[in-house]
């Protein structure tokens, strides 16, 4: 998948950069009115959580492969 390919190329930084972007977006959404009316803080926080879960999955795969 593209997620795994990006992880293989850039390592954990690939997820950390995306999570940093989402944190910045959450910060902005809590301080200003969104220019996109349908954009909700909930969606941004769920994106952040999903990136964290994807990172954990990739790290777990690496650990599993290292044990083989």
N, C-alpha and C. Protein backbone atom coordinates (compact mmCIF):
# COMPACT_ATOMS: atom_id res chain seq x y z
N UNK A 1 0.84 -1.19 0.00
CA UNK A 1 0.00 0.00 0.00
C UNK A 1 0.88 1.25 0.00
N UNK A 2 0.28 2.37 -0.31
CA UNK A 2 1.04 3.62 -0.33
C UNK A 2 1.53 4.00 1.06
N UNK A 3 0.77 3.62 2.09
CA UNK A 3 1.19 3.91 3.47
C UNK A 3 2.47 3.15 3.79
N UNK A 4 2.50 1.88 3.47
CA UNK A 4 3.69 1.06 3.73
C UNK A 4 4.86 1.54 2.90
N UNK A 5 4.61 1.87 1.65
CA UNK A 5 5.69 2.37 0.78
C UNK A 5 6.30 3.66 1.33
N UNK A 6 5.44 4.56 1.79
CA UNK A 6 5.93 5.82 2.36
C UNK A 6 6.71 5.56 3.64
N UNK A 7 6.22 4.64 4.47
CA UNK A 7 6.92 4.28 5.71
C UNK A 7 8.29 3.69 5.40
N UNK A 8 8.35 2.80 4.41
CA UNK A 8 9.63 2.19 4.05
C UNK A 8 10.63 3.23 3.54
N UNK A 9 10.13 4.23 2.86
CA UNK A 9 11.01 5.25 2.30
C UNK A 9 11.48 6.27 3.35
N UNK A 10 10.56 6.69 4.24
CA UNK A 10 10.86 7.78 5.16
C UNK A 10 10.87 7.38 6.64
N UNK A 11 10.44 6.16 6.93
CA UNK A 11 10.40 5.72 8.32
C UNK A 11 9.28 6.40 9.09
N UNK A 12 9.41 6.39 10.38
CA UNK A 12 8.39 6.94 11.27
C UNK A 12 8.13 8.43 11.01
N UNK A 13 9.13 9.12 10.48
CA UNK A 13 8.95 10.54 10.16
C UNK A 13 7.76 10.79 9.24
N UNK A 14 7.47 9.83 8.37
CA UNK A 14 6.33 9.99 7.45
C UNK A 14 5.04 10.21 8.23
N UNK A 15 4.86 9.47 9.31
CA UNK A 15 3.65 9.62 10.12
C UNK A 15 3.74 10.84 11.01
N UNK A 16 4.91 11.09 11.55
CA UNK A 16 5.07 12.23 12.46
C UNK A 16 4.78 13.55 11.76
N UNK A 17 5.20 13.68 10.51
CA UNK A 17 4.94 14.91 9.75
C UNK A 17 3.44 15.06 9.53
N UNK A 18 2.77 13.98 9.15
CA UNK A 18 1.32 14.05 8.94
C UNK A 18 0.59 14.38 10.24
N UNK A 19 1.05 13.79 11.33
CA UNK A 19 0.43 14.06 12.63
C UNK A 19 0.67 15.50 13.05
N UNK A 20 1.85 16.01 12.79
CA UNK A 20 2.17 17.40 13.10
C UNK A 20 1.24 18.34 12.32
N UNK A 21 1.02 18.03 11.03
CA UNK A 21 0.11 18.84 10.22
C UNK A 21 -1.30 18.82 10.81
N UNK A 22 -1.76 17.65 11.26
CA UNK A 22 -3.09 17.54 11.85
C UNK A 22 -3.18 18.28 13.17
N UNK A 23 -2.11 18.23 13.97
CA UNK A 23 -2.10 18.99 15.22
C UNK A 23 -2.20 20.49 14.95
N UNK A 24 -1.46 20.94 13.95
CA UNK A 24 -1.54 22.36 13.58
C UNK A 24 -2.93 22.73 13.11
N UNK A 25 -3.55 21.82 12.34
CA UNK A 25 -4.91 22.08 11.86
C UNK A 25 -5.89 22.13 13.03
N UNK A 26 -5.75 21.21 13.97
CA UNK A 26 -6.63 21.21 15.15
C UNK A 26 -6.46 22.50 15.94
N UNK A 27 -5.22 22.93 16.09
CA UNK A 27 -4.94 24.19 16.79
C UNK A 27 -5.65 25.35 16.10
N UNK A 28 -5.53 25.40 14.79
CA UNK A 28 -6.17 26.48 14.02
C UNK A 28 -7.68 26.42 14.14
N UNK A 29 -8.24 25.22 14.02
CA UNK A 29 -9.69 25.08 14.08
C UNK A 29 -10.27 25.48 15.44
N UNK A 30 -9.48 25.36 16.49
CA UNK A 30 -9.99 25.73 17.82
C UNK A 30 -9.83 27.22 18.11
N UNK A 31 -9.15 27.91 17.23
CA UNK A 31 -8.91 29.34 17.47
C UNK A 31 -9.53 30.27 16.43
N UNK A 32 -9.89 29.74 15.29
CA UNK A 32 -10.48 30.57 14.24
C UNK A 32 -11.66 29.83 13.62
N UNK A 33 -12.48 30.56 12.91
CA UNK A 33 -13.59 29.95 12.19
C UNK A 33 -13.05 29.32 10.92
N UNK A 34 -13.43 28.08 10.70
CA UNK A 34 -12.95 27.36 9.52
C UNK A 34 -13.48 28.00 8.24
N UNK A 35 -12.64 28.06 7.23
CA UNK A 35 -13.06 28.59 5.94
C UNK A 35 -13.95 27.56 5.21
N UNK A 36 -13.83 26.31 5.59
CA UNK A 36 -14.67 25.26 5.02
C UNK A 36 -15.76 24.95 6.05
N UNK A 37 -16.98 25.27 5.71
CA UNK A 37 -18.09 25.16 6.67
C UNK A 37 -18.28 23.74 7.21
N UNK A 38 -18.02 22.74 6.37
CA UNK A 38 -18.26 21.35 6.80
C UNK A 38 -17.08 20.75 7.56
N UNK A 39 -15.98 21.50 7.67
CA UNK A 39 -14.80 20.97 8.36
C UNK A 39 -15.02 21.02 9.87
N UNK A 40 -14.82 19.87 10.51
CA UNK A 40 -15.06 19.78 11.95
C UNK A 40 -13.79 19.30 12.66
N UNK A 41 -13.63 19.76 13.87
CA UNK A 41 -12.47 19.36 14.68
C UNK A 41 -12.46 17.85 14.88
N UNK A 42 -13.65 17.25 14.96
CA UNK A 42 -13.74 15.79 15.15
C UNK A 42 -13.01 15.04 14.05
N UNK A 43 -13.21 15.49 12.81
CA UNK A 43 -12.57 14.83 11.68
C UNK A 43 -11.05 14.94 11.75
N UNK A 44 -10.58 16.09 12.12
CA UNK A 44 -9.14 16.30 12.24
C UNK A 44 -8.56 15.42 13.33
N UNK A 45 -9.25 15.33 14.46
CA UNK A 45 -8.78 14.48 15.56
C UNK A 45 -8.81 13.00 15.18
N UNK A 46 -9.83 12.59 14.44
CA UNK A 46 -9.89 11.20 13.97
C UNK A 46 -8.76 10.91 12.99
N UNK A 47 -8.45 11.87 12.12
CA UNK A 47 -7.31 11.70 11.21
C UNK A 47 -6.03 11.52 12.00
N UNK A 48 -5.86 12.32 13.02
CA UNK A 48 -4.67 12.24 13.88
C UNK A 48 -4.57 10.85 14.52
N UNK A 49 -5.69 10.37 15.04
CA UNK A 49 -5.71 9.05 15.65
C UNK A 49 -5.40 7.95 14.63
N UNK A 50 -5.95 8.09 13.44
CA UNK A 50 -5.69 7.09 12.39
C UNK A 50 -4.22 7.05 11.99
N UNK A 51 -3.59 8.21 11.87
CA UNK A 51 -2.16 8.22 11.56
C UNK A 51 -1.36 7.53 12.66
N UNK A 52 -1.75 7.76 13.90
CA UNK A 52 -1.06 7.10 15.01
C UNK A 52 -1.24 5.59 14.94
N UNK A 53 -2.45 5.13 14.64
CA UNK A 53 -2.70 3.70 14.52
C UNK A 53 -1.93 3.08 13.35
N UNK A 54 -1.89 3.77 12.23
CA UNK A 54 -1.12 3.27 11.09
C UNK A 54 0.36 3.16 11.44
N UNK A 55 0.87 4.12 12.18
CA UNK A 55 2.27 4.07 12.61
C UNK A 55 2.52 2.86 13.50
N UNK A 56 1.61 2.61 14.43
CA UNK A 56 1.75 1.45 15.32
C UNK A 56 1.72 0.15 14.52
N UNK A 57 0.86 0.07 13.53
CA UNK A 57 0.79 -1.13 12.69
C UNK A 57 2.11 -1.35 11.96
N UNK A 58 2.66 -0.30 11.38
CA UNK A 58 3.93 -0.44 10.66
C UNK A 58 5.06 -0.84 11.61
N UNK A 59 5.10 -0.24 12.79
CA UNK A 59 6.13 -0.59 13.76
C UNK A 59 5.98 -2.05 14.20
N UNK A 60 4.75 -2.48 14.40
CA UNK A 60 4.50 -3.88 14.78
C UNK A 60 4.94 -4.84 13.69
N UNK A 61 4.67 -4.48 12.45
CA UNK A 61 5.12 -5.31 11.32
C UNK A 61 6.63 -5.43 11.30
N UNK A 62 7.31 -4.32 11.54
CA UNK A 62 8.79 -4.35 11.58
C UNK A 62 9.29 -5.28 12.69
N UNK A 63 8.68 -5.18 13.85
CA UNK A 63 9.08 -6.04 14.98
C UNK A 63 8.81 -7.51 14.66
N UNK A 64 7.68 -7.79 14.06
CA UNK A 64 7.32 -9.16 13.69
C UNK A 64 8.33 -9.73 12.69
N UNK A 65 8.67 -8.95 11.68
CA UNK A 65 9.63 -9.38 10.66
C UNK A 65 11.01 -9.59 11.26
N UNK A 66 11.38 -8.77 12.24
CA UNK A 66 12.69 -8.89 12.88
C UNK A 66 12.80 -10.18 13.69
N UNK A 67 11.67 -10.70 14.16
CA UNK A 67 11.67 -11.93 14.95
C UNK A 67 11.74 -13.18 14.08
N UNK A 68 11.44 -13.04 12.82
CA UNK A 68 11.42 -14.20 11.90
C UNK A 68 12.80 -14.66 11.52
